[in-house]
Amino acid sequence: LTLLFGLASINTLTVISVTRYIKGCHPERGNCISNSSMTVALVLIWIAAFFWSVAPLLGWGSYTDRMYGTCEIDWAKANFSTIYKSYIVSIFICCFFLPVIVMIFSYVSIINTVKLSHMLTGLGDPTDRQRRMERDVTRVSIVICTAFIIAWSPYAVISIWSACGHPVPSLTSILASLFAKSASFYNPIIYFGMSSKFRRDIFILFHC
């Protein structure tokens, strides 16, 4: 369940970056982002998370007790089995490396598109409102990407390091794991603090 919800969070962030990329860089294709397409995306998010989470229970990969109230993927078994190693390499590429690449590409493209559009419309002299909008887009994009990479990189590096046969201290493993899973906690805080529309919707939802 821990892995399931963690992967669902990663997949959700990736889909958000793609939808923002489409709306920001290809507005003419914005009509493809509808309630039905988002429903399909949500279903695929959870199917992918469920697939990678249940695979060790079916023999591709393995779980082990980490001795602090939860179980995690047994990275060390990669030293003794090609099947386990293939699972670890596959989940690292598909559930960390590719999402990071997609998010970085999406947000960098959005930033470049916003800057280019302002240069073309404002002839290099954007208004205060344009400068604020550009700054906000840049700030949110950088924070989202940076927070994700900072949260999950230590866990991903330690996992691959352990899979290669190198010992990892228990405390280091615990801290990296908790740090990675804290992303689910601070993502809503980032959106609440940096998105005025998100705040307005929350206030309306709770009748503030």
N, C-alpha and C. Protein backbone atom coordinates (compact mmCIF):
# COMPACT_ATOMS: atom_id res chain seq x y z
N LEU A 1 0.83 -1.21 0.00
CA LEU A 1 0.00 0.00 0.00
C LEU A 1 0.86 1.26 0.00
N THR A 2 1.98 1.21 0.74
CA THR A 2 2.88 2.37 0.75
C THR A 2 3.43 2.64 -0.64
N LEU A 3 3.88 1.57 -1.31
CA LEU A 3 4.39 1.74 -2.67
C LEU A 3 3.28 2.15 -3.62
N LEU A 4 2.10 1.58 -3.45
CA LEU A 4 0.97 1.91 -4.32
C LEU A 4 0.66 3.39 -4.30
N PHE A 5 0.52 3.95 -3.10
CA PHE A 5 0.17 5.37 -2.98
C PHE A 5 1.32 6.28 -3.40
N GLY A 6 2.55 5.84 -3.13
CA GLY A 6 3.70 6.63 -3.56
C GLY A 6 3.80 6.73 -5.07
N LEU A 7 3.62 5.60 -5.75
CA LEU A 7 3.67 5.60 -7.21
C LEU A 7 2.49 6.36 -7.81
N ALA A 8 1.32 6.25 -7.18
CA ALA A 8 0.17 7.02 -7.65
C ALA A 8 0.44 8.51 -7.56
N SER A 9 1.13 8.93 -6.50
CA SER A 9 1.48 10.34 -6.35
C SER A 9 2.43 10.78 -7.46
N ILE A 10 3.45 9.96 -7.74
CA ILE A 10 4.40 10.28 -8.80
C ILE A 10 3.69 10.37 -10.15
N ASN A 11 2.83 9.39 -10.43
CA ASN A 11 2.10 9.38 -11.69
C ASN A 11 1.19 10.59 -11.84
N THR A 12 0.57 10.98 -10.72
CA THR A 12 -0.33 12.14 -10.75
C THR A 12 0.44 13.41 -11.07
N LEU A 13 1.59 13.60 -10.44
CA LEU A 13 2.42 14.77 -10.73
C LEU A 13 2.85 14.79 -12.20
N THR A 14 3.15 13.62 -12.74
CA THR A 14 3.56 13.54 -14.14
C THR A 14 2.42 13.93 -15.07
N VAL A 15 1.22 13.44 -14.78
CA VAL A 15 0.06 13.78 -15.61
C VAL A 15 -0.26 15.27 -15.51
N ILE A 16 -0.13 15.84 -14.31
CA ILE A 16 -0.35 17.28 -14.15
C ILE A 16 0.62 18.07 -15.01
N SER A 17 1.88 17.65 -15.04
CA SER A 17 2.87 18.37 -15.85
C SER A 17 2.53 18.27 -17.34
N VAL A 18 2.03 17.11 -17.77
CA VAL A 18 1.68 16.94 -19.18
C VAL A 18 0.48 17.81 -19.54
N THR A 19 -0.53 17.86 -18.67
CA THR A 19 -1.70 18.70 -18.96
C THR A 19 -1.32 20.17 -19.00
N ARG A 20 -0.46 20.60 -18.12
CA ARG A 20 0.00 21.98 -18.14
C ARG A 20 0.82 22.27 -19.39
N TYR A 21 1.60 21.28 -19.82
CA TYR A 21 2.38 21.45 -21.05
C TYR A 21 1.46 21.64 -22.25
N ILE A 22 0.42 20.80 -22.33
CA ILE A 22 -0.52 20.91 -23.46
C ILE A 22 -1.22 22.26 -23.46
N LYS A 23 -1.71 22.69 -22.30
CA LYS A 23 -2.42 23.96 -22.22
C LYS A 23 -1.50 25.16 -22.43
N GLY A 24 -0.26 25.04 -21.95
CA GLY A 24 0.65 26.17 -22.03
C GLY A 24 1.38 26.29 -23.35
N CYS A 25 1.73 25.13 -23.94
CA CYS A 25 2.55 25.15 -25.16
C CYS A 25 1.76 24.81 -26.42
N HIS A 26 0.65 24.11 -26.27
CA HIS A 26 -0.19 23.75 -27.42
C HIS A 26 -1.66 24.02 -27.09
N PRO A 27 -2.03 25.27 -26.90
CA PRO A 27 -3.41 25.59 -26.51
C PRO A 27 -4.44 25.13 -27.53
N GLU A 28 -4.03 24.99 -28.80
CA GLU A 28 -4.98 24.54 -29.82
C GLU A 28 -5.41 23.09 -29.58
N ARG A 29 -4.65 22.37 -28.78
CA ARG A 29 -5.01 20.99 -28.44
C ARG A 29 -5.64 20.89 -27.06
N GLY A 30 -5.97 22.02 -26.48
CA GLY A 30 -6.53 22.02 -25.13
C GLY A 30 -7.86 21.31 -25.02
N ASN A 31 -8.56 21.16 -26.15
CA ASN A 31 -9.87 20.49 -26.10
C ASN A 31 -9.74 19.01 -25.79
N CYS A 32 -8.52 18.46 -25.94
CA CYS A 32 -8.34 17.03 -25.61
C CYS A 32 -8.31 16.81 -24.10
N ILE A 33 -8.18 17.89 -23.33
CA ILE A 33 -8.21 17.77 -21.88
C ILE A 33 -9.63 18.01 -21.41
N SER A 34 -10.38 16.94 -21.26
CA SER A 34 -11.79 17.00 -20.87
C SER A 34 -12.01 16.12 -19.64
N ASN A 35 -13.23 16.13 -19.15
CA ASN A 35 -13.55 15.29 -17.99
C ASN A 35 -13.32 13.81 -18.31
N SER A 36 -13.68 13.40 -19.52
CA SER A 36 -13.51 11.99 -19.88
C SER A 36 -12.03 11.61 -20.00
N SER A 37 -11.22 12.49 -20.61
CA SER A 37 -9.80 12.18 -20.74
C SER A 37 -9.12 12.17 -19.38
N MET A 38 -9.54 13.05 -18.48
CA MET A 38 -8.96 13.06 -17.14
C MET A 38 -9.38 11.82 -16.35
N THR A 39 -10.60 11.34 -16.58
CA THR A 39 -11.03 10.10 -15.94
C THR A 39 -10.19 8.93 -16.41
N VAL A 40 -9.94 8.88 -17.72
CA VAL A 40 -9.08 7.83 -18.26
C VAL A 40 -7.67 7.94 -17.67
N ALA A 41 -7.15 9.17 -17.57
CA ALA A 41 -5.81 9.37 -17.02
C ALA A 41 -5.74 8.89 -15.57
N LEU A 42 -6.76 9.19 -14.79
CA LEU A 42 -6.78 8.75 -13.39
C LEU A 42 -6.81 7.23 -13.28
N VAL A 43 -7.60 6.60 -14.14
CA VAL A 43 -7.66 5.13 -14.14
C VAL A 43 -6.29 4.55 -14.48
N LEU A 44 -5.63 5.11 -15.51
CA LEU A 44 -4.31 4.62 -15.90
C LEU A 44 -3.27 4.85 -14.81
N ILE A 45 -3.39 5.99 -14.10
CA ILE A 45 -2.48 6.28 -12.99
C ILE A 45 -2.52 5.16 -11.96
N TRP A 46 -3.72 4.76 -11.59
CA TRP A 46 -3.85 3.75 -10.54
C TRP A 46 -3.57 2.35 -11.05
N ILE A 47 -3.86 2.08 -12.33
CA ILE A 47 -3.52 0.78 -12.91
C ILE A 47 -2.01 0.59 -12.92
N ALA A 48 -1.28 1.63 -13.35
CA ALA A 48 0.18 1.54 -13.37
C ALA A 48 0.75 1.37 -11.97
N ALA A 49 0.23 2.14 -11.01
CA ALA A 49 0.71 2.02 -9.63
C ALA A 49 0.41 0.63 -9.07
N PHE A 50 -0.78 0.13 -9.38
CA PHE A 50 -1.15 -1.21 -8.89
C PHE A 50 -0.27 -2.28 -9.51
N PHE A 51 0.04 -2.13 -10.81
CA PHE A 51 0.88 -3.13 -11.49
C PHE A 51 2.24 -3.25 -10.82
N TRP A 52 2.92 -2.12 -10.62
CA TRP A 52 4.26 -2.16 -10.02
C TRP A 52 4.21 -2.59 -8.55
N SER A 53 3.11 -2.32 -7.87
CA SER A 53 3.01 -2.68 -6.45
C SER A 53 2.71 -4.15 -6.24
N VAL A 54 1.94 -4.73 -7.14
CA VAL A 54 1.53 -6.12 -6.95
C VAL A 54 2.53 -7.09 -7.58
N ALA A 55 3.41 -6.60 -8.47
CA ALA A 55 4.37 -7.49 -9.15
C ALA A 55 5.22 -8.31 -8.18
N PRO A 56 5.77 -7.70 -7.10
CA PRO A 56 6.57 -8.53 -6.16
C PRO A 56 5.75 -9.63 -5.49
N LEU A 57 4.45 -9.43 -5.34
CA LEU A 57 3.62 -10.46 -4.73
C LEU A 57 3.42 -11.64 -5.67
N LEU A 58 3.65 -11.39 -6.97
CA LEU A 58 3.47 -12.45 -7.98
C LEU A 58 4.79 -13.06 -8.41
N GLY A 59 5.91 -12.66 -7.77
CA GLY A 59 7.20 -13.29 -8.05
C GLY A 59 8.20 -12.44 -8.80
N TRP A 60 7.75 -11.29 -9.35
CA TRP A 60 8.69 -10.40 -10.02
C TRP A 60 9.09 -9.31 -9.03
N GLY A 61 10.23 -9.51 -8.39
CA GLY A 61 10.62 -8.64 -7.29
C GLY A 61 10.21 -9.25 -5.97
N SER A 62 10.52 -8.55 -4.88
CA SER A 62 10.23 -9.10 -3.56
C SER A 62 10.13 -7.97 -2.54
N TYR A 63 9.31 -8.18 -1.53
CA TYR A 63 9.20 -7.25 -0.40
C TYR A 63 9.96 -7.81 0.79
N THR A 64 10.39 -6.91 1.67
CA THR A 64 11.06 -7.34 2.91
C THR A 64 10.68 -6.41 4.05
N ASP A 65 10.76 -6.92 5.26
CA ASP A 65 10.45 -6.12 6.45
C ASP A 65 11.62 -5.19 6.76
N ARG A 66 11.35 -3.88 6.83
CA ARG A 66 12.40 -2.91 7.12
C ARG A 66 12.55 -2.63 8.62
N MET A 67 11.80 -3.34 9.45
CA MET A 67 11.96 -3.28 10.91
C MET A 67 11.55 -1.94 11.52
N TYR A 68 10.79 -1.15 10.80
CA TYR A 68 10.27 0.07 11.44
C TYR A 68 8.79 0.27 11.10
N GLY A 69 8.08 -0.85 11.09
CA GLY A 69 6.64 -0.77 10.96
C GLY A 69 6.11 -0.81 9.55
N THR A 70 6.94 -1.10 8.58
CA THR A 70 6.48 -1.18 7.19
C THR A 70 7.37 -2.14 6.43
N CYS A 71 6.95 -2.49 5.23
CA CYS A 71 7.79 -3.31 4.36
C CYS A 71 8.04 -2.54 3.07
N GLU A 72 9.16 -2.86 2.43
CA GLU A 72 9.53 -2.20 1.19
C GLU A 72 10.12 -3.22 0.24
N ILE A 73 10.42 -2.76 -0.96
CA ILE A 73 11.05 -3.64 -1.95
C ILE A 73 12.39 -4.11 -1.41
N ASP A 74 12.68 -5.39 -1.60
CA ASP A 74 13.95 -5.97 -1.16
C ASP A 74 14.99 -5.74 -2.25
N TRP A 75 15.68 -4.59 -2.14
CA TRP A 75 16.66 -4.24 -3.17
C TRP A 75 17.85 -5.19 -3.19
N ALA A 76 18.21 -5.74 -2.03
CA ALA A 76 19.41 -6.57 -1.94
C ALA A 76 19.30 -7.87 -2.73
N LYS A 77 18.09 -8.36 -2.96
CA LYS A 77 17.92 -9.61 -3.69
C LYS A 77 18.35 -9.50 -5.15
N ALA A 78 18.55 -8.26 -5.62
CA ALA A 78 19.01 -8.08 -7.00
C ALA A 78 20.38 -8.70 -7.22
N ASN A 79 21.14 -8.90 -6.13
CA ASN A 79 22.47 -9.49 -6.25
C ASN A 79 22.42 -11.00 -6.53
N PHE A 80 21.28 -11.60 -6.24
CA PHE A 80 21.20 -13.05 -6.33
C PHE A 80 20.26 -13.54 -7.42
N SER A 81 19.55 -12.63 -8.07
CA SER A 81 18.57 -13.06 -9.06
C SER A 81 18.44 -12.02 -10.17
N THR A 82 18.50 -12.49 -11.40
CA THR A 82 18.32 -11.61 -12.55
C THR A 82 16.89 -11.09 -12.61
N ILE A 83 15.94 -11.91 -12.18
CA ILE A 83 14.53 -11.49 -12.20
C ILE A 83 14.32 -10.32 -11.26
N TYR A 84 14.88 -10.41 -10.04
CA TYR A 84 14.73 -9.31 -9.09
C TYR A 84 15.44 -8.06 -9.60
N LYS A 85 16.62 -8.25 -10.18
CA LYS A 85 17.36 -7.09 -10.70
C LYS A 85 16.60 -6.42 -11.84
N SER A 86 15.96 -7.22 -12.71
CA SER A 86 15.20 -6.64 -13.81
C SER A 86 14.02 -5.82 -13.30
N TYR A 87 13.40 -6.27 -12.20
CA TYR A 87 12.29 -5.51 -11.61
C TYR A 87 12.78 -4.18 -11.07
N ILE A 88 13.89 -4.20 -10.34
CA ILE A 88 14.42 -2.98 -9.73
C ILE A 88 14.83 -1.97 -10.80
N VAL A 89 15.53 -2.45 -11.82
CA VAL A 89 15.95 -1.55 -12.91
C VAL A 89 14.72 -1.00 -13.63
N SER A 90 13.73 -1.85 -13.87
CA SER A 90 12.53 -1.43 -14.59
C SER A 90 11.74 -0.39 -13.80
N ILE A 91 11.56 -0.61 -12.49
CA ILE A 91 10.78 0.33 -11.69
C ILE A 91 11.54 1.65 -11.51
N PHE A 92 12.87 1.57 -11.48
CA PHE A 92 13.65 2.81 -11.39
C PHE A 92 13.49 3.64 -12.65
N ILE A 93 13.54 3.00 -13.81
CA ILE A 93 13.42 3.73 -15.08
C ILE A 93 12.00 4.23 -15.28
N CYS A 94 11.01 3.36 -15.11
CA CYS A 94 9.62 3.70 -15.44
C CYS A 94 8.95 4.57 -14.39
N CYS A 95 9.34 4.43 -13.13
CA CYS A 95 8.62 5.13 -12.05
C CYS A 95 9.40 6.28 -11.44
N PHE A 96 10.65 6.47 -11.87
CA PHE A 96 11.41 7.62 -11.37
C PHE A 96 12.07 8.40 -12.51
N PHE A 97 12.91 7.72 -13.28
CA PHE A 97 13.69 8.41 -14.31
C PHE A 97 12.79 9.05 -15.37
N LEU A 98 11.88 8.26 -15.94
CA LEU A 98 11.01 8.80 -16.99
C LEU A 98 10.08 9.90 -16.48
N PRO A 99 9.42 9.74 -15.31
CA PRO A 99 8.61 10.85 -14.80
C PRO A 99 9.41 12.14 -14.59
N VAL A 100 10.65 12.01 -14.08
CA VAL A 100 11.48 13.20 -13.89
C VAL A 100 11.77 13.87 -15.22
N ILE A 101 12.10 13.08 -16.25
CA ILE A 101 12.38 13.64 -17.57
C ILE A 101 11.15 14.34 -18.13
N VAL A 102 9.98 13.70 -17.99
CA VAL A 102 8.74 14.28 -18.51
C VAL A 102 8.41 15.59 -17.81
N MET A 103 8.55 15.63 -16.49
CA MET A 103 8.24 16.85 -15.75
C MET A 103 9.20 17.98 -16.08
N ILE A 104 10.48 17.67 -16.13
CA ILE A 104 11.47 18.71 -16.46
C ILE A 104 11.21 19.25 -17.86
N PHE A 105 10.97 18.35 -18.82
CA PHE A 105 10.69 18.80 -20.19
C PHE A 105 9.44 19.67 -20.23
N SER A 106 8.39 19.23 -19.55
CA SER A 106 7.12 19.97 -19.59
C SER A 106 7.26 21.37 -19.02
N TYR A 107 7.85 21.47 -17.84
CA TYR A 107 7.91 22.78 -17.18
C TYR A 107 8.94 23.70 -17.83
N VAL A 108 10.04 23.15 -18.33
CA VAL A 108 11.01 23.99 -19.06
C VAL A 108 10.37 24.51 -20.34
N SER A 109 9.60 23.68 -21.02
CA SER A 109 8.91 24.11 -22.24
C SER A 109 7.90 25.20 -21.94
N ILE A 110 7.18 25.07 -20.81
CA ILE A 110 6.21 26.09 -20.43
C ILE A 110 6.90 27.42 -20.16
N ILE A 111 7.99 27.37 -19.42
CA ILE A 111 8.73 28.60 -19.11
C ILE A 111 9.22 29.27 -20.39
N ASN A 112 9.78 28.48 -21.30
CA ASN A 112 10.29 29.04 -22.55
C ASN A 112 9.17 29.61 -23.41
N THR A 113 8.02 28.94 -23.41
CA THR A 113 6.89 29.42 -24.20
C THR A 113 6.35 30.74 -23.65
N VAL A 114 6.26 30.83 -22.32
CA VAL A 114 5.78 32.07 -21.70
C VAL A 114 6.74 33.22 -22.00
N LYS A 115 8.02 32.98 -21.88
CA LYS A 115 9.00 34.02 -22.17
C LYS A 115 8.94 34.46 -23.62
N LEU A 116 8.82 33.49 -24.54
CA LEU A 116 8.78 33.81 -25.96
C LEU A 116 7.53 34.60 -26.31
N SER A 117 6.39 34.19 -25.76
CA SER A 117 5.14 34.90 -26.07
C SER A 117 5.17 36.33 -25.55
N HIS A 118 5.80 36.55 -24.41
CA HIS A 118 5.88 37.90 -23.88
C HIS A 118 6.83 38.76 -24.71
N MET A 119 7.89 38.16 -25.22
CA MET A 119 8.80 38.92 -26.07
C MET A 119 8.13 39.32 -27.37
N LEU A 120 7.28 38.43 -27.90
CA LEU A 120 6.62 38.72 -29.17
C LEU A 120 5.50 39.74 -29.01
N THR A 121 4.74 39.63 -27.92
CA THR A 121 3.61 40.53 -27.74
C THR A 121 4.02 41.87 -27.15
N GLY A 122 5.05 41.83 -26.30
CA GLY A 122 5.46 43.06 -25.65
C GLY A 122 6.69 43.69 -26.25
N LEU A 123 7.22 43.06 -27.33
CA LEU A 123 8.40 43.59 -27.99
C LEU A 123 9.55 43.78 -27.00
N GLY A 124 9.69 42.82 -26.10
CA GLY A 124 10.80 42.86 -25.16
C GLY A 124 10.56 43.75 -23.97
N ASP A 125 9.39 44.37 -23.88
CA ASP A 125 9.11 45.26 -22.75
C ASP A 125 7.79 44.86 -22.12
N PRO A 126 7.76 43.75 -21.41
CA PRO A 126 6.51 43.26 -20.84
C PRO A 126 5.98 44.18 -19.76
N THR A 127 4.68 44.15 -19.61
CA THR A 127 4.04 44.96 -18.58
C THR A 127 4.28 44.34 -17.22
N ASP A 128 3.89 45.08 -16.17
CA ASP A 128 4.05 44.55 -14.82
C ASP A 128 3.25 43.27 -14.64
N ARG A 129 2.04 43.23 -15.22
CA ARG A 129 1.19 42.04 -15.10
C ARG A 129 1.83 40.85 -15.79
N GLN A 130 2.42 41.08 -16.95
CA GLN A 130 3.09 40.01 -17.66
C GLN A 130 4.30 39.50 -16.89
N ARG A 131 5.04 40.44 -16.33
CA ARG A 131 6.21 40.03 -15.56
C ARG A 131 5.81 39.22 -14.34
N ARG A 132 4.72 39.62 -13.68
CA ARG A 132 4.26 38.86 -12.52
C ARG A 132 3.82 37.46 -12.93
N MET A 133 3.09 37.36 -14.04
CA MET A 133 2.62 36.06 -14.50
C MET A 133 3.79 35.16 -14.86
N GLU A 134 4.77 35.72 -15.56
CA GLU A 134 5.95 34.95 -15.92
C GLU A 134 6.71 34.50 -14.68
N ARG A 135 6.82 35.38 -13.71
CA ARG A 135 7.52 35.02 -12.47
C ARG A 135 6.78 33.92 -11.72
N ASP A 136 5.44 34.01 -11.68
CA ASP A 136 4.67 33.01 -10.97
C ASP A 136 4.76 31.64 -11.65
N VAL A 137 4.65 31.64 -12.98
CA VAL A 137 4.75 30.37 -13.70
C VAL A 137 6.12 29.74 -13.47
N THR A 138 7.15 30.56 -13.57
CA THR A 138 8.51 30.06 -13.36
C THR A 138 8.69 29.54 -11.94
N ARG A 139 8.18 30.27 -10.97
CA ARG A 139 8.36 29.89 -9.57
C ARG A 139 7.65 28.57 -9.25
N VAL A 140 6.39 28.46 -9.68
CA VAL A 140 5.64 27.23 -9.41
C VAL A 140 6.29 26.04 -10.10
N SER A 141 6.70 26.23 -11.34
CA SER A 141 7.31 25.13 -12.10
C SER A 141 8.60 24.65 -11.44
N ILE A 142 9.44 25.60 -11.05
CA ILE A 142 10.71 25.23 -10.43
C ILE A 142 10.48 24.54 -9.09
N VAL A 143 9.55 25.05 -8.30
CA VAL A 143 9.29 24.46 -6.98
C VAL A 143 8.76 23.04 -7.11
N ILE A 144 7.82 22.82 -8.03
CA ILE A 144 7.24 21.49 -8.19
C ILE A 144 8.29 20.48 -8.62
N CYS A 145 9.06 20.83 -9.65
CA CYS A 145 10.11 19.92 -10.13
C CYS A 145 11.17 19.68 -9.06
N THR A 146 11.61 20.76 -8.43
CA THR A 146 12.68 20.64 -7.43
C THR A 146 12.22 19.81 -6.23
N ALA A 147 11.00 20.06 -5.77
CA ALA A 147 10.48 19.31 -4.61
C ALA A 147 10.40 17.83 -4.91
N PHE A 148 9.93 17.49 -6.10
CA PHE A 148 9.83 16.08 -6.46
C PHE A 148 11.21 15.42 -6.52
N ILE A 149 12.14 16.08 -7.19
CA ILE A 149 13.48 15.49 -7.36
C ILE A 149 14.19 15.37 -6.02
N ILE A 150 14.08 16.42 -5.18
CA ILE A 150 14.73 16.39 -3.88
C ILE A 150 14.14 15.27 -3.00
N ALA A 151 12.83 15.10 -3.07
CA ALA A 151 12.17 14.11 -2.21
C ALA A 151 12.53 12.68 -2.61
N TRP A 152 12.52 12.41 -3.91
CA TRP A 152 12.65 11.03 -4.36
C TRP A 152 14.06 10.62 -4.77
N SER A 153 14.93 11.57 -5.07
CA SER A 153 16.28 11.21 -5.52
C SER A 153 17.07 10.40 -4.49
N PRO A 154 17.11 10.83 -3.20
CA PRO A 154 17.87 10.02 -2.23
C PRO A 154 17.37 8.58 -2.15
N TYR A 155 16.06 8.41 -2.15
CA TYR A 155 15.49 7.06 -2.07
C TYR A 155 15.85 6.24 -3.30
N ALA A 156 15.77 6.87 -4.48
CA ALA A 156 16.10 6.16 -5.72
C ALA A 156 17.57 5.79 -5.77
N VAL A 157 18.44 6.72 -5.35
CA VAL A 157 19.88 6.45 -5.38
C VAL A 157 20.24 5.33 -4.40
N ILE A 158 19.68 5.41 -3.19
CA ILE A 158 19.96 4.38 -2.19
C ILE A 158 19.46 3.01 -2.65
N SER A 159 18.30 3.00 -3.30
CA SER A 159 17.74 1.75 -3.78
C SER A 159 18.64 1.10 -4.82
N ILE A 160 19.08 1.90 -5.79
CA ILE A 160 19.98 1.37 -6.82
C ILE A 160 21.32 0.98 -6.21
N TRP A 161 21.81 1.79 -5.27
CA TRP A 161 23.07 1.49 -4.58
C TRP A 161 22.98 0.15 -3.86
N SER A 162 21.88 -0.09 -3.18
CA SER A 162 21.68 -1.35 -2.47
C SER A 162 21.54 -2.50 -3.46
N ALA A 163 20.86 -2.24 -4.58
CA ALA A 163 20.67 -3.29 -5.59
C ALA A 163 21.98 -3.71 -6.22
N CYS A 164 22.96 -2.80 -6.20
CA CYS A 164 24.27 -3.12 -6.78
C CYS A 164 25.16 -3.88 -5.80
N GLY A 165 24.64 -4.17 -4.60
CA GLY A 165 25.39 -4.97 -3.65
C GLY A 165 26.10 -4.20 -2.58
N HIS A 166 25.92 -2.89 -2.51
CA HIS A 166 26.58 -2.08 -1.50
C HIS A 166 25.69 -1.95 -0.27
N PRO A 167 26.26 -2.09 0.92
CA PRO A 167 25.45 -1.99 2.14
C PRO A 167 24.97 -0.56 2.40
N VAL A 168 23.76 -0.44 2.92
CA VAL A 168 23.18 0.86 3.26
C VAL A 168 22.77 0.83 4.73
N PRO A 169 23.25 1.77 5.55
CA PRO A 169 22.86 1.79 6.97
C PRO A 169 21.35 1.89 7.12
N SER A 170 20.83 1.24 8.15
CA SER A 170 19.38 1.22 8.37
C SER A 170 18.81 2.62 8.55
N LEU A 171 19.49 3.47 9.33
CA LEU A 171 19.00 4.82 9.57
C LEU A 171 18.92 5.61 8.27
N THR A 172 19.94 5.46 7.41
CA THR A 172 19.93 6.15 6.12
C THR A 172 18.77 5.70 5.27
N SER A 173 18.51 4.41 5.25
CA SER A 173 17.39 3.87 4.48
C SER A 173 16.06 4.38 4.99
N ILE A 174 15.92 4.43 6.33
CA ILE A 174 14.67 4.90 6.93
C ILE A 174 14.43 6.37 6.59
N LEU A 175 15.45 7.20 6.77
CA LEU A 175 15.29 8.63 6.51
C LEU A 175 14.98 8.91 5.05
N ALA A 176 15.67 8.21 4.14
CA ALA A 176 15.41 8.41 2.71
C ALA A 176 13.99 7.99 2.35
N SER A 177 13.52 6.89 2.94
CA SER A 177 12.17 6.42 2.66
C SER A 177 11.12 7.40 3.16
N LEU A 178 11.28 7.85 4.41
CA LEU A 178 10.31 8.80 4.97
C LEU A 178 10.34 10.13 4.22
N PHE A 179 11.52 10.56 3.82
CA PHE A 179 11.67 11.82 3.08
C PHE A 179 10.95 11.74 1.74
N ALA A 180 11.08 10.59 1.06
CA ALA A 180 10.41 10.41 -0.22
C ALA A 180 8.90 10.44 -0.07
N LYS A 181 8.41 9.76 0.94
CA LYS A 181 6.97 9.66 1.10
C LYS A 181 6.35 10.92 1.68
N SER A 182 7.18 11.82 2.18
CA SER A 182 6.65 13.10 2.66
C SER A 182 6.15 13.97 1.52
N ALA A 183 6.50 13.61 0.27
CA ALA A 183 6.05 14.40 -0.89
C ALA A 183 4.54 14.48 -0.95
N SER A 184 3.86 13.40 -0.55
CA SER A 184 2.40 13.42 -0.55
C SER A 184 1.84 14.44 0.42
N PHE A 185 2.63 14.79 1.42
CA PHE A 185 2.18 15.76 2.43
C PHE A 185 2.37 17.20 1.96
N TYR A 186 3.55 17.51 1.41
CA TYR A 186 3.81 18.91 1.11
C TYR A 186 3.37 19.35 -0.28
N ASN A 187 3.01 18.41 -1.16
CA ASN A 187 2.49 18.83 -2.47
C ASN A 187 1.24 19.70 -2.35
N PRO A 188 0.24 19.30 -1.56
CA PRO A 188 -0.92 20.18 -1.40
C PRO A 188 -0.56 21.54 -0.80
N ILE A 189 0.44 21.55 0.10
CA ILE A 189 0.85 22.82 0.70
C ILE A 189 1.47 23.74 -0.35
N ILE A 190 2.25 23.17 -1.27
CA ILE A 190 2.84 23.97 -2.34
C ILE A 190 1.74 24.59 -3.19
N TYR A 191 0.77 23.79 -3.58
CA TYR A 191 -0.32 24.31 -4.41
C TYR A 191 -1.13 25.37 -3.66
N PHE A 192 -1.39 25.11 -2.39
CA PHE A 192 -2.18 26.06 -1.61
C PHE A 192 -1.43 27.38 -1.46
N GLY A 193 -0.14 27.31 -1.24
CA GLY A 193 0.63 28.53 -1.01
C GLY A 193 0.95 29.30 -2.26
N MET A 194 0.98 28.62 -3.42
CA MET A 194 1.46 29.27 -4.64
C MET A 194 0.40 29.43 -5.72
N SER A 195 -0.78 28.87 -5.53
CA SER A 195 -1.83 28.97 -6.54
C SER A 195 -3.05 29.66 -5.96
N SER A 196 -3.32 30.86 -6.44
CA SER A 196 -4.48 31.61 -5.94
C SER A 196 -5.79 30.92 -6.33
N LYS A 197 -5.82 30.30 -7.51
CA LYS A 197 -7.03 29.60 -7.93
C LYS A 197 -7.30 28.41 -7.02
N PHE A 198 -6.25 27.68 -6.66
CA PHE A 198 -6.41 26.55 -5.75
C PHE A 198 -6.98 27.01 -4.41
N ARG A 199 -6.46 28.15 -3.91
CA ARG A 199 -6.95 28.69 -2.63
C ARG A 199 -8.42 29.09 -2.73
N ARG A 200 -8.78 29.73 -3.84
CA ARG A 200 -10.18 30.15 -4.01
C ARG A 200 -11.11 28.94 -4.03
N ASP A 201 -10.70 27.88 -4.72
CA ASP A 201 -11.53 26.68 -4.79
C ASP A 201 -11.67 26.02 -3.42
N ILE A 202 -10.57 26.02 -2.65
CA ILE A 202 -10.63 25.45 -1.30
C ILE A 202 -11.57 26.27 -0.43
N PHE A 203 -11.47 27.59 -0.50
CA PHE A 203 -12.34 28.45 0.31
C PHE A 203 -13.81 28.24 -0.06
N ILE A 204 -14.08 28.09 -1.35
CA ILE A 204 -15.45 27.85 -1.78
C ILE A 204 -15.93 26.49 -1.28
N LEU A 205 -15.05 25.49 -1.34
CA LEU A 205 -15.42 24.14 -0.92
C LEU A 205 -15.81 24.10 0.55
N PHE A 206 -15.07 24.83 1.39
CA PHE A 206 -15.32 24.83 2.83
C PHE A 206 -16.12 26.04 3.29
N HIS A 207 -16.70 26.79 2.35
CA HIS A 207 -17.56 27.94 2.66
C HIS A 207 -16.85 28.96 3.53
N CYS A 208 -15.56 29.22 3.24
CA CYS A 208 -14.82 30.20 4.03
C CYS A 208 -15.18 31.61 3.54
